[in-house]
Amino acid sequence: MTIEKTKLTYDVQLPPFPLGEKNSGKPSKSLFKVVPGPIDQLRASSTGAMSEVARARIALQERGEKVSELEKQTADMMQHAEGFRDASHQLMNKYKDKKWYQF
């Protein structure tokens, strides 16, 4: 019984890979091409959505500032109304016992 050793050869051509430490872990540029497709459209729409969110955030902040200003103006108006009420009450008490011809 004899066993013959045969040599097998394969006719496979591998693409040229750059070798070395600086190229390790990086894909070969000749193997992959960037093909624009739905990913680019999604990126564009997500960028647009992000800008819309930023605009909404700015509008919300401006609205908050306006509401704060209105609260301050309302508090000032309330103080002025209380002062007017007190002054009119004092005036009423001063002239309540006098007749129209005594003024």
PDB file of N, CA and C in Angstrom:
ATOM      1  N   MET A   1       0.827  -1.155   0.000  1.00  0.00           N
ATOM      2  CA  MET A   1       0.000   0.000   0.000  1.00  0.00           C
ATOM      3  C   MET A   1       0.887   1.238   0.000  1.00  0.00           C
ATOM      4  N   THR A   2       0.694   2.032  -0.993  1.00  0.00           N
ATOM      5  CA  THR A   2       1.485   3.247  -1.104  1.00  0.00           C
ATOM      6  C   THR A   2       0.533   4.451  -1.176  1.00  0.00           C
ATOM      7  N   ILE A   3       0.948   5.450  -0.483  1.00  0.00           N
ATOM      8  CA  ILE A   3       0.159   6.699  -0.487  1.00  0.00           C
ATOM      9  C   ILE A   3       0.939   7.730  -1.267  1.00  0.00           C
ATOM     10  N   GLU A   4       0.298   8.255  -2.226  1.00  0.00           N
ATOM     11  CA  GLU A   4       0.954   9.271  -3.020  1.00  0.00           C
ATOM     12  C   GLU A   4       0.541  10.652  -2.518  1.00  0.00           C
ATOM     13  N   LYS A   5       1.485  11.464  -2.392  1.00  0.00           N
ATOM     14  CA  LYS A   5       1.201  12.841  -2.002  1.00  0.00           C
ATOM     15  C   LYS A   5       1.051  13.654  -3.269  1.00  0.00           C
ATOM     16  N   THR A   6      -0.065  14.322  -3.329  1.00  0.00           N
ATOM     17  CA  THR A   6      -0.273  15.175  -4.492  1.00  0.00           C
ATOM     18  C   THR A   6      -0.312  16.622  -4.035  1.00  0.00           C
ATOM     19  N   LYS A   7       0.116  17.442  -4.895  1.00  0.00           N
ATOM     20  CA  LYS A   7       0.121  18.867  -4.615  1.00  0.00           C
ATOM     21  C   LYS A   7      -1.074  19.479  -5.314  1.00  0.00           C
ATOM     22  N   LEU A   8      -1.884  20.178  -4.541  1.00  0.00           N
ATOM     23  CA  LEU A   8      -3.032  20.862  -5.120  1.00  0.00           C
ATOM     24  C   LEU A   8      -2.692  22.319  -5.311  1.00  0.00           C
ATOM     25  N   THR A   9      -3.047  22.815  -6.425  1.00  0.00           N
ATOM     26  CA  THR A   9      -2.823  24.238  -6.680  1.00  0.00           C
ATOM     27  C   THR A   9      -4.166  24.872  -7.003  1.00  0.00           C
ATOM     28  N   TYR A  10      -4.317  26.052  -6.550  1.00  0.00           N
ATOM     29  CA  TYR A  10      -5.554  26.789  -6.785  1.00  0.00           C
ATOM     30  C   TYR A  10      -5.250  27.994  -7.650  1.00  0.00           C
ATOM     31  N   ASP A  11      -6.126  28.237  -8.576  1.00  0.00           N
ATOM     32  CA  ASP A  11      -5.968  29.410  -9.434  1.00  0.00           C
ATOM     33  C   ASP A  11      -6.884  30.527  -8.943  1.00  0.00           C
ATOM     34  N   VAL A  12      -6.572  31.076  -7.811  1.00  0.00           N
ATOM     35  CA  VAL A  12      -7.362  32.160  -7.230  1.00  0.00           C
ATOM     36  C   VAL A  12      -6.488  33.394  -7.203  1.00  0.00           C
ATOM     37  N   GLN A  13      -7.011  34.462  -7.715  1.00  0.00           N
ATOM     38  CA  GLN A  13      -6.261  35.717  -7.672  1.00  0.00           C
ATOM     39  C   GLN A  13      -6.863  36.596  -6.585  1.00  0.00           C
ATOM     40  N   LEU A  14      -6.056  36.943  -5.646  1.00  0.00           N
ATOM     41  CA  LEU A  14      -6.490  37.819  -4.562  1.00  0.00           C
ATOM     42  C   LEU A  14      -6.216  39.260  -4.948  1.00  0.00           C
ATOM     43  N   PRO A  15      -7.103  40.163  -4.535  1.00  0.00           N
ATOM     44  CA  PRO A  15      -6.821  41.572  -4.810  1.00  0.00           C
ATOM     45  C   PRO A  15      -5.600  42.004  -4.015  1.00  0.00           C
ATOM     46  N   PRO A  16      -4.872  42.945  -4.523  1.00  0.00           N
ATOM     47  CA  PRO A  16      -3.653  43.364  -3.814  1.00  0.00           C
ATOM     48  C   PRO A  16      -4.020  44.101  -2.520  1.00  0.00           C
ATOM     49  N   PHE A  17      -3.631  43.529  -1.411  1.00  0.00           N
ATOM     50  CA  PHE A  17      -3.858  44.160  -0.117  1.00  0.00           C
ATOM     51  C   PHE A  17      -2.577  44.830   0.325  1.00  0.00           C
ATOM     52  N   PRO A  18      -2.648  46.073   0.758  1.00  0.00           N
ATOM     53  CA  PRO A  18      -1.440  46.686   1.314  1.00  0.00           C
ATOM     54  C   PRO A  18      -1.138  46.048   2.662  1.00  0.00           C
ATOM     55  N   LEU A  19       0.071  45.683   2.841  1.00  0.00           N
ATOM     56  CA  LEU A  19       0.473  45.038   4.080  1.00  0.00           C
ATOM     57  C   LEU A  19       1.259  46.008   4.941  1.00  0.00           C
ATOM     58  N   GLY A  20       1.304  45.753   6.207  1.00  0.00           N
ATOM     59  CA  GLY A  20       2.074  46.581   7.113  1.00  0.00           C
ATOM     60  C   GLY A  20       1.203  47.082   8.259  1.00  0.00           C
ATOM     61  N   GLU A  21       1.852  47.598   9.291  1.00  0.00           N
ATOM     62  CA  GLU A  21       1.124  48.036  10.476  1.00  0.00           C
ATOM     63  C   GLU A  21       0.204  49.212  10.209  1.00  0.00           C
ATOM     64  N   LYS A  22       0.647  50.153   9.415  1.00  0.00           N
ATOM     65  CA  LYS A  22      -0.164  51.345   9.210  1.00  0.00           C
ATOM     66  C   LYS A  22      -1.423  51.044   8.402  1.00  0.00           C
ATOM     67  N   ASN A  23      -1.460  49.960   7.665  1.00  0.00           N
ATOM     68  CA  ASN A  23      -2.624  49.592   6.878  1.00  0.00           C
ATOM     69  C   ASN A  23      -3.449  48.484   7.514  1.00  0.00           C
ATOM     70  N   SER A  24      -3.015  47.973   8.629  1.00  0.00           N
ATOM     71  CA  SER A  24      -3.742  46.855   9.226  1.00  0.00           C
ATOM     72  C   SER A  24      -5.070  47.353   9.798  1.00  0.00           C
ATOM     73  N   GLY A  25      -6.101  46.589   9.575  1.00  0.00           N
ATOM     74  CA  GLY A  25      -7.417  46.945  10.071  1.00  0.00           C
ATOM     75  C   GLY A  25      -8.179  47.898   9.193  1.00  0.00           C
ATOM     76  N   LYS A  26      -7.583  48.396   8.141  1.00  0.00           N
ATOM     77  CA  LYS A  26      -8.247  49.332   7.245  1.00  0.00           C
ATOM     78  C   LYS A  26      -8.654  48.607   5.967  1.00  0.00           C
ATOM     79  N   PRO A  27      -9.825  48.899   5.451  1.00  0.00           N
ATOM     80  CA  PRO A  27     -10.226  48.246   4.209  1.00  0.00           C
ATOM     81  C   PRO A  27      -9.441  48.809   3.028  1.00  0.00           C
ATOM     82  N   SER A  28      -9.272  47.989   2.060  1.00  0.00           N
ATOM     83  CA  SER A  28      -8.583  48.417   0.856  1.00  0.00           C
ATOM     84  C   SER A  28      -9.487  49.365   0.082  1.00  0.00           C
ATOM     85  N   LYS A  29      -8.930  50.437  -0.414  1.00  0.00           N
ATOM     86  CA  LYS A  29      -9.720  51.417  -1.149  1.00  0.00           C
ATOM     87  C   LYS A  29     -10.176  50.895  -2.492  1.00  0.00           C
ATOM     88  N   SER A  30      -9.462  49.926  -3.011  1.00  0.00           N
ATOM     89  CA  SER A  30      -9.831  49.407  -4.318  1.00  0.00           C
ATOM     90  C   SER A  30     -10.979  48.407  -4.241  1.00  0.00           C
ATOM     91  N   LEU A  31     -11.305  47.928  -3.049  1.00  0.00           N
ATOM     92  CA  LEU A  31     -12.363  46.938  -2.917  1.00  0.00           C
ATOM     93  C   LEU A  31     -13.752  47.567  -2.777  1.00  0.00           C
ATOM     94  N   PHE A  32     -13.832  48.690  -2.133  1.00  0.00           N
ATOM     95  CA  PHE A  32     -15.129  49.270  -1.810  1.00  0.00           C
ATOM     96  C   PHE A  32     -15.299  50.618  -2.481  1.00  0.00           C
ATOM     97  N   LYS A  33     -16.476  50.844  -2.982  1.00  0.00           N
ATOM     98  CA  LYS A  33     -16.816  52.136  -3.552  1.00  0.00           C
ATOM     99  C   LYS A  33     -18.019  52.682  -2.800  1.00  0.00           C
ATOM    100  N   VAL A  34     -18.044  53.964  -2.618  1.00  0.00           N
ATOM    101  CA  VAL A  34     -19.184  54.607  -1.975  1.00  0.00           C
ATOM    102  C   VAL A  34     -20.232  54.870  -3.043  1.00  0.00           C
ATOM    103  N   VAL A  35     -21.353  54.225  -2.870  1.00  0.00           N
ATOM    104  CA  VAL A  35     -22.442  54.373  -3.819  1.00  0.00           C
ATOM    105  C   VAL A  35     -23.542  55.165  -3.127  1.00  0.00           C
ATOM    106  N   PRO A  36     -23.881  56.348  -3.658  1.00  0.00           N
ATOM    107  CA  PRO A  36     -24.941  57.116  -3.011  1.00  0.00           C
ATOM    108  C   PRO A  36     -26.245  56.347  -3.086  1.00  0.00           C
ATOM    109  N   GLY A  37     -26.961  56.359  -2.004  1.00  0.00           N
ATOM    110  CA  GLY A  37     -28.215  55.622  -1.954  1.00  0.00           C
ATOM    111  C   GLY A  37     -29.092  56.132  -0.840  1.00  0.00           C
ATOM    112  N   PRO A  38     -29.922  55.277  -0.301  1.00  0.00           N
ATOM    113  CA  PRO A  38     -30.866  55.708   0.726  1.00  0.00           C
ATOM    114  C   PRO A  38     -30.189  56.222   2.000  1.00  0.00           C
ATOM    115  N   ILE A  39     -28.976  55.782   2.270  1.00  0.00           N
ATOM    116  CA  ILE A  39     -28.275  56.246   3.465  1.00  0.00           C
ATOM    117  C   ILE A  39     -28.007  57.745   3.361  1.00  0.00           C
ATOM    118  N   ASP A  40     -27.582  58.202   2.185  1.00  0.00           N
ATOM    119  CA  ASP A  40     -27.318  59.630   1.997  1.00  0.00           C
ATOM    120  C   ASP A  40     -28.610  60.439   2.138  1.00  0.00           C
ATOM    121  N   GLN A  41     -29.694  59.892   1.638  1.00  0.00           N
ATOM    122  CA  GLN A  41     -30.977  60.585   1.779  1.00  0.00           C
ATOM    123  C   GLN A  41     -31.393  60.643   3.239  1.00  0.00           C
ATOM    124  N   LEU A  42     -31.146  59.551   3.973  1.00  0.00           N
ATOM    125  CA  LEU A  42     -31.468  59.549   5.404  1.00  0.00           C
ATOM    126  C   LEU A  42     -30.611  60.553   6.159  1.00  0.00           C
ATOM    127  N   ARG A  43     -29.332  60.639   5.790  1.00  0.00           N
ATOM    128  CA  ARG A  43     -28.456  61.622   6.438  1.00  0.00           C
ATOM    129  C   ARG A  43     -28.964  63.039   6.187  1.00  0.00           C
ATOM    130  N   ALA A  44     -29.348  63.307   4.953  1.00  0.00           N
ATOM    131  CA  ALA A  44     -29.833  64.642   4.604  1.00  0.00           C
ATOM    132  C   ALA A  44     -31.120  64.950   5.365  1.00  0.00           C
ATOM    133  N   SER A  45     -32.028  63.979   5.438  1.00  0.00           N
ATOM    134  CA  SER A  45     -33.287  64.238   6.141  1.00  0.00           C
ATOM    135  C   SER A  45     -33.057  64.342   7.639  1.00  0.00           C
ATOM    136  N   SER A  46     -32.093  63.570   8.187  1.00  0.00           N
ATOM    137  CA  SER A  46     -31.820  63.678   9.622  1.00  0.00           C
ATOM    138  C   SER A  46     -31.171  65.021   9.938  1.00  0.00           C
ATOM    139  N   THR A  47     -30.340  65.522   9.038  1.00  0.00           N
ATOM    140  CA  THR A  47     -29.748  66.846   9.235  1.00  0.00           C
ATOM    141  C   THR A  47     -30.841  67.905   9.222  1.00  0.00           C
ATOM    142  N   GLY A  48     -31.782  67.764   8.294  1.00  0.00           N
ATOM    143  CA  GLY A  48     -32.905  68.699   8.239  1.00  0.00           C
ATOM    144  C   GLY A  48     -33.755  68.616   9.496  1.00  0.00           C
ATOM    145  N   ALA A  49     -33.972  67.405   9.996  1.00  0.00           N
ATOM    146  CA  ALA A  49     -34.752  67.234  11.223  1.00  0.00           C
ATOM    147  C   ALA A  49     -34.022  67.829  12.413  1.00  0.00           C
ATOM    148  N   MET A  50     -32.701  67.672  12.440  1.00  0.00           N
ATOM    149  CA  MET A  50     -31.933  68.243  13.545  1.00  0.00           C
ATOM    150  C   MET A  50     -32.008  69.761  13.523  1.00  0.00           C
ATOM    151  N   SER A  51     -31.980  70.360  12.335  1.00  0.00           N
ATOM    152  CA  SER A  51     -32.080  71.817  12.268  1.00  0.00           C
ATOM    153  C   SER A  51     -33.483  72.268  12.678  1.00  0.00           C
ATOM    154  N   GLU A  52     -34.505  71.479  12.349  1.00  0.00           N
ATOM    155  CA  GLU A  52     -35.864  71.810  12.778  1.00  0.00           C
ATOM    156  C   GLU A  52     -35.981  71.729  14.304  1.00  0.00           C
ATOM    157  N   VAL A  53     -35.343  70.736  14.901  1.00  0.00           N
ATOM    158  CA  VAL A  53     -35.359  70.608  16.360  1.00  0.00           C
ATOM    159  C   VAL A  53     -34.639  71.793  16.988  1.00  0.00           C
ATOM    160  N   ALA A  54     -33.534  72.222  16.401  1.00  0.00           N
ATOM    161  CA  ALA A  54     -32.798  73.376  16.924  1.00  0.00           C
ATOM    162  C   ALA A  54     -33.658  74.632  16.830  1.00  0.00           C
ATOM    163  N   ARG A  55     -34.369  74.805  15.705  1.00  0.00           N
ATOM    164  CA  ARG A  55     -35.258  75.964  15.564  1.00  0.00           C
ATOM    165  C   ARG A  55     -36.382  75.916  16.597  1.00  0.00           C
ATOM    166  N   ALA A  56     -36.932  74.728  16.818  1.00  0.00           N
ATOM    167  CA  ALA A  56     -38.007  74.581  17.801  1.00  0.00           C
ATOM    168  C   ALA A  56     -37.507  74.897  19.202  1.00  0.00           C
ATOM    169  N   ARG A  57     -36.287  74.469  19.500  1.00  0.00           N
ATOM    170  CA  ARG A  57     -35.714  74.752  20.822  1.00  0.00           C
ATOM    171  C   ARG A  57     -35.519  76.261  21.020  1.00  0.00           C
ATOM    172  N   ILE A  58     -35.037  76.948  19.985  1.00  0.00           N
ATOM    173  CA  ILE A  58     -34.847  78.398  20.066  1.00  0.00           C
ATOM    174  C   ILE A  58     -36.192  79.091  20.226  1.00  0.00           C
ATOM    175  N   ALA A  59     -37.200  78.651  19.459  1.00  0.00           N
ATOM    176  CA  ALA A  59     -38.533  79.246  19.560  1.00  0.00           C
ATOM    177  C   ALA A  59     -39.113  79.024  20.952  1.00  0.00           C
ATOM    178  N   LEU A  60     -38.885  77.841  21.527  1.00  0.00           N
ATOM    179  CA  LEU A  60     -39.368  77.552  22.871  1.00  0.00           C
ATOM    180  C   LEU A  60     -38.688  78.446  23.902  1.00  0.00           C
ATOM    181  N   GLN A  61     -37.411  78.663  23.733  1.00  0.00           N
ATOM    182  CA  GLN A  61     -36.674  79.533  24.647  1.00  0.00           C
ATOM    183  C   GLN A  61     -37.193  80.972  24.548  1.00  0.00           C
ATOM    184  N   GLU A  62     -37.410  81.447  23.321  1.00  0.00           N
ATOM    185  CA  GLU A  62     -37.944  82.800  23.134  1.00  0.00           C
ATOM    186  C   GLU A  62     -39.337  82.916  23.745  1.00  0.00           C
ATOM    187  N   ARG A  63     -40.147  81.886  23.583  1.00  0.00           N
ATOM    188  CA  ARG A  63     -41.489  81.899  24.150  1.00  0.00           C
ATOM    189  C   ARG A  63     -41.417  81.964  25.674  1.00  0.00           C
ATOM    190  N   GLY A  64     -40.481  81.215  26.268  1.00  0.00           N
ATOM    191  CA  GLY A  64     -40.299  81.247  27.713  1.00  0.00           C
ATOM    192  C   GLY A  64     -39.892  82.633  28.198  1.00  0.00           C
ATOM    193  N   GLU A  65     -39.024  83.295  27.429  1.00  0.00           N
ATOM    194  CA  GLU A  65     -38.608  84.654  27.797  1.00  0.00           C
ATOM    195  C   GLU A  65     -39.792  85.614  27.720  1.00  0.00           C
ATOM    196  N   LYS A  66     -40.624  85.471  26.689  1.00  0.00           N
ATOM    197  CA  LYS A  66     -41.789  86.346  26.547  1.00  0.00           C
ATOM    198  C   LYS A  66     -42.784  86.109  27.680  1.00  0.00           C
ATOM    199  N   VAL A  67     -42.986  84.842  28.062  1.00  0.00           N
ATOM    200  CA  VAL A  67     -43.895  84.533  29.163  1.00  0.00           C
ATOM    201  C   VAL A  67     -43.358  85.126  30.464  1.00  0.00           C
ATOM    202  N   SER A  68     -42.058  85.042  30.685  1.00  0.00           N
ATOM    203  CA  SER A  68     -41.454  85.625  31.893  1.00  0.00           C
ATOM    204  C   SER A  68     -41.654  87.139  31.910  1.00  0.00           C
ATOM    205  N   GLU A  69     -41.471  87.783  30.774  1.00  0.00           N
ATOM    206  CA  GLU A  69     -41.673  89.234  30.677  1.00  0.00           C
ATOM    207  C   GLU A  69     -43.135  89.596  30.958  1.00  0.00           C
ATOM    208  N   LEU A  70     -44.059  88.788  30.435  1.00  0.00           N
ATOM    209  CA  LEU A  70     -45.478  89.039  30.692  1.00  0.00           C
ATOM    210  C   LEU A  70     -45.815  88.860  32.169  1.00  0.00           C
ATOM    211  N   GLU A  71     -45.224  87.882  32.814  1.00  0.00           N
ATOM    212  CA  GLU A  71     -45.443  87.687  34.252  1.00  0.00           C
ATOM    213  C   GLU A  71     -44.956  88.899  35.037  1.00  0.00           C
ATOM    214  N   LYS A  72     -43.805  89.433  34.657  1.00  0.00           N
ATOM    215  CA  LYS A  72     -43.260  90.608  35.336  1.00  0.00           C
ATOM    216  C   LYS A  72     -44.177  91.818  35.125  1.00  0.00           C
ATOM    217  N   GLN A  73     -44.636  92.011  33.889  1.00  0.00           N
ATOM    218  CA  GLN A  73     -45.532  93.130  33.604  1.00  0.00           C
ATOM    219  C   GLN A  73     -46.855  92.980  34.348  1.00  0.00           C
ATOM    220  N   THR A  74     -47.352  91.754  34.460  1.00  0.00           N
ATOM    221  CA  THR A  74     -48.598  91.511  35.191  1.00  0.00           C
ATOM    222  C   THR A  74     -48.424  91.833  36.668  1.00  0.00           C
ATOM    223  N   ALA A  75     -47.293  91.448  37.251  1.00  0.00           N
ATOM    224  CA  ALA A  75     -47.033  91.749  38.664  1.00  0.00           C
ATOM    225  C   ALA A  75     -46.938  93.262  38.876  1.00  0.00           C
ATOM    226  N   ASP A  76     -46.271  93.977  37.954  1.00  0.00           N
ATOM    227  CA  ASP A  76     -46.186  95.437  38.059  1.00  0.00           C
ATOM    228  C   ASP A  76     -47.570  96.073  37.955  1.00  0.00           C
ATOM    229  N   MET A  77     -48.382  95.586  37.013  1.00  0.00           N
ATOM    230  CA  MET A  77     -49.722  96.126  36.833  1.00  0.00           C
ATOM    231  C   MET A  77     -50.563  95.876  38.091  1.00  0.00           C
ATOM    232  N   MET A  78     -50.376  94.730  38.708  1.00  0.00           N
ATOM    233  CA  MET A  78     -51.117  94.402  39.922  1.00  0.00           C
ATOM    234  C   MET A  78     -50.735  95.347  41.063  1.00  0.00           C
ATOM    235  N   GLN A  79     -49.448  95.655  41.185  1.00  0.00           N
ATOM    236  CA  GLN A  79     -49.006  96.599  42.222  1.00  0.00           C
ATOM    237  C   GLN A  79     -49.594  97.986  41.973  1.00  0.00           C
ATOM    238  N   HIS A  80     -49.594  98.437  40.716  1.00  0.00           N
ATOM    239  CA  HIS A  80     -50.167  99.746  40.393  1.00  0.00           C
ATOM    240  C   HIS A  80     -51.669  99.759  40.663  1.00  0.00           C
ATOM    241  N   ALA A  81     -52.347  98.667  40.385  1.00  0.00           N
ATOM    242  CA  ALA A  81     -53.788  98.584  40.633  1.00  0.00           C
ATOM    243  C   ALA A  81     -54.083  98.637  42.130  1.00  0.00           C
ATOM    244  N   GLU A  82     -53.252  97.978  42.928  1.00  0.00           N
ATOM    245  CA  GLU A  82     -53.437  98.037  44.386  1.00  0.00           C
ATOM    246  C   GLU A  82     -53.203  99.457  44.898  1.00  0.00           C
ATOM    247  N   GLY A  83     -52.191 100.130  44.363  1.00  0.00           N
ATOM    248  CA  GLY A  83     -51.950 101.525  44.762  1.00  0.00           C
ATOM    249  C   GLY A  83     -53.115 102.422  44.367  1.00  0.00           C
ATOM    250  N   PHE A  84     -53.652 102.223  43.165  1.00  0.00           N
ATOM    251  CA  PHE A  84     -54.813 103.002  42.724  1.00  0.00           C
ATOM    252  C   PHE A  84     -56.019 102.722  43.619  1.00  0.00           C
ATOM    253  N   ARG A  85     -56.223 101.457  43.959  1.00  0.00           N
ATOM    254  CA  ARG A  85     -57.331 101.094  44.846  1.00  0.00           C
ATOM    255  C   ARG A  85     -57.182 101.775  46.202  1.00  0.00           C
ATOM    256  N   ASP A  86     -55.984 101.752  46.790  1.00  0.00           N
ATOM    257  CA  ASP A  86     -55.758 102.375  48.094  1.00  0.00           C
ATOM    258  C   ASP A  86     -55.986 103.887  48.025  1.00  0.00           C
ATOM    259  N   ALA A  87     -55.486 104.531  46.967  1.00  0.00           N
ATOM    260  CA  ALA A  87     -55.659 105.983  46.826  1.00  0.00           C
ATOM    261  C   ALA A  87     -57.137 106.335  46.647  1.00  0.00           C
ATOM    262  N   SER A  88     -57.863 105.558  45.842  1.00  0.00           N
ATOM    263  CA  SER A  88     -59.283 105.852  45.643  1.00  0.00           C
ATOM    264  C   SER A  88     -60.080 105.576  46.915  1.00  0.00           C
ATOM    265  N   HIS A  89     -59.687 104.585  47.692  1.00  0.00           N
ATOM    266  CA  HIS A  89     -60.371 104.305  48.966  1.00  0.00           C
ATOM    267  C   HIS A  89     -60.156 105.456  49.957  1.00  0.00           C
ATOM    268  N   GLN A  90     -58.924 105.971  50.013  1.00  0.00           N
ATOM    269  CA  GLN A  90     -58.651 107.113  50.897  1.00  0.00           C
ATOM    270  C   GLN A  90     -59.456 108.338  50.466  1.00  0.00           C
ATOM    271  N   LEU A  91     -59.522 108.579  49.186  1.00  0.00           N
ATOM    272  CA  LEU A  91     -60.286 109.708  48.666  1.00  0.00           C
ATOM    273  C   LEU A  91     -61.772 109.552  48.976  1.00  0.00           C
ATOM    274  N   MET A  92     -62.276 108.341  48.842  1.00  0.00           N
ATOM    275  CA  MET A  92     -63.678 108.082  49.140  1.00  0.00           C
ATOM    276  C   MET A  92     -63.954 108.337  50.621  1.00  0.00           C
ATOM    277  N   ASN A  93     -63.071 107.843  51.502  1.00  0.00           N
ATOM    278  CA  ASN A  93     -63.267 108.058  52.942  1.00  0.00           C
ATOM    279  C   ASN A  93     -63.196 109.540  53.293  1.00  0.00           C
ATOM    280  N   LYS A  94     -62.367 110.304  52.623  1.00  0.00           N
ATOM    281  CA  LYS A  94     -62.214 111.724  52.902  1.00  0.00           C
ATOM    282  C   LYS A  94     -63.491 112.488  52.564  1.00  0.00           C
ATOM    283  N   TYR A  95     -64.154 112.113  51.477  1.00  0.00           N
ATOM    284  CA  TYR A  95     -65.311 112.878  51.013  1.00  0.00           C
ATOM    285  C   TYR A  95     -66.646 112.156  51.209  1.00  0.00           C
ATOM    286  N   LYS A  96     -66.690 111.053  51.960  1.00  0.00           N
ATOM    287  CA  LYS A  96     -67.938 110.310  52.037  1.00  0.00           C
ATOM    288  C   LYS A  96     -69.009 111.027  52.866  1.00  0.00           C
ATOM    289  N   ASP A  97     -68.653 111.808  53.848  1.00  0.00           N
ATOM    290  CA  ASP A  97     -69.648 112.487  54.675  1.00  0.00           C
ATOM    291  C   ASP A  97     -70.005 113.877  54.161  1.00  0.00           C
ATOM    292  N   LYS A  98     -69.390 114.337  53.129  1.00  0.00           N
ATOM    293  CA  LYS A  98     -69.663 115.672  52.604  1.00  0.00           C
ATOM    294  C   LYS A  98     -70.733 115.604  51.518  1.00  0.00           C
ATOM    295  N   LYS A  99     -71.505 116.579  51.422  1.00  0.00           N
ATOM    296  CA  LYS A  99     -72.520 116.675  50.383  1.00  0.00           C
ATOM    297  C   LYS A  99     -71.906 117.311  49.143  1.00  0.00           C
ATOM    298  N   TRP A 100     -72.629 117.288  48.074  1.00  0.00           N
ATOM    299  CA  TRP A 100     -72.107 117.776  46.817  1.00  0.00           C
ATOM    300  C   TRP A 100     -71.864 119.270  46.861  1.00  0.00           C
ATOM    301  N   TYR A 101     -72.591 119.989  47.638  1.00  0.00           N
ATOM    302  CA  TYR A 101     -72.440 121.439  47.712  1.00  0.00           C
ATOM    303  C   TYR A 101     -71.365 121.849  48.706  1.00  0.00           C
ATOM    304  N   GLN A 102     -70.794 120.889  49.463  1.00  0.00           N
ATOM    305  CA  GLN A 102     -69.751 121.221  50.431  1.00  0.00           C
ATOM    306  C   GLN A 102     -68.330 121.082  49.832  1.00  0.00           C
ATOM    307  N   PHE A 103     -68.238 120.639  48.643  1.00  0.00           N
ATOM    308  CA  PHE A 103     -66.918 120.467  48.048  1.00  0.00           C
ATOM    309  C   PHE A 103     -66.329 121.756  47.779  1.00  0.00           C
TER     310      PHE A 103
END
